[in-house]
């Protein structure tokens, strides 16, 4: 059985993706300009224009290895870690499904009035209906742990319970509502976490599985052909929920308050004082 691909460990990458022929290397070198290049990303940006997803290396690998497992990271705010170990990462499902029931229960438990819950859901429905596949039928993931710490936008999904759709919906009602009780509980309760899980390429959306393999190919081109370091920067989506047996680890994000101290002075004092 093929080794699981793990972006935290590039030595796990399939070796055949760096075994290109002279024709492919000539194709790359003839199209990448090194004039003024001093950083890896200047090469990576040029690679984006080359349609590597259509290369034989990527197409052949995907045709023959869809059952290969990949370890990736999901970022969220966790109220009860045992729920994830027991139930996995569950997609919202949209209107009337489990996700709606869980959000309604959460809002009710922190003390949000029923009429405000209905107002919030009017906005949630708009976001869900605008992109059903992405927002109700998929688990979003990022490639490696280092990216989540290096890019503030990569960890913002752990800012509040209920995720970004709940955050946007509350902000649509009043951009300052998060400062007030009981809504602020969504920002205070729980802990910001990253969840590492595995899934097969076949369990990813088609574009996501292609992006995963293209990212590995770009890594090999930049590091092997041009001898520069490489930093991963991609996101993807699963097809449906992640079962509990596929969860590999759950870790609290270190120094999350310092990373996301974007709210007014004193917003996180409650959490700071409890440390």
Foldseek 3Di string as FASTA:
>chain_A
DQAAAALQDLVSDDPLLLPDDPVVVCVLVVQADCVVDDALVSSVVSVVPVPCLPDPSLVVCCVPFQQHKYKWKAWAFDQDPVCCLAFNFFFLQAPPDPVLVVVVVVCVVLPNDPVVNVQLVVQLNVVCVVPVCVRGFWGKTFRHPVVVVVDLVNRCQHQFPSGDSSVVSQCVVPVCCCLDPPNVCRRAHGFIKMWMFMDGNNQWDPVQSSVVSVQSSSQSCSCPVVNHHDDDDDMTIGGGGGGSVGIDDMDGDPPNCVSPVPDDPPSCVVVVVVD
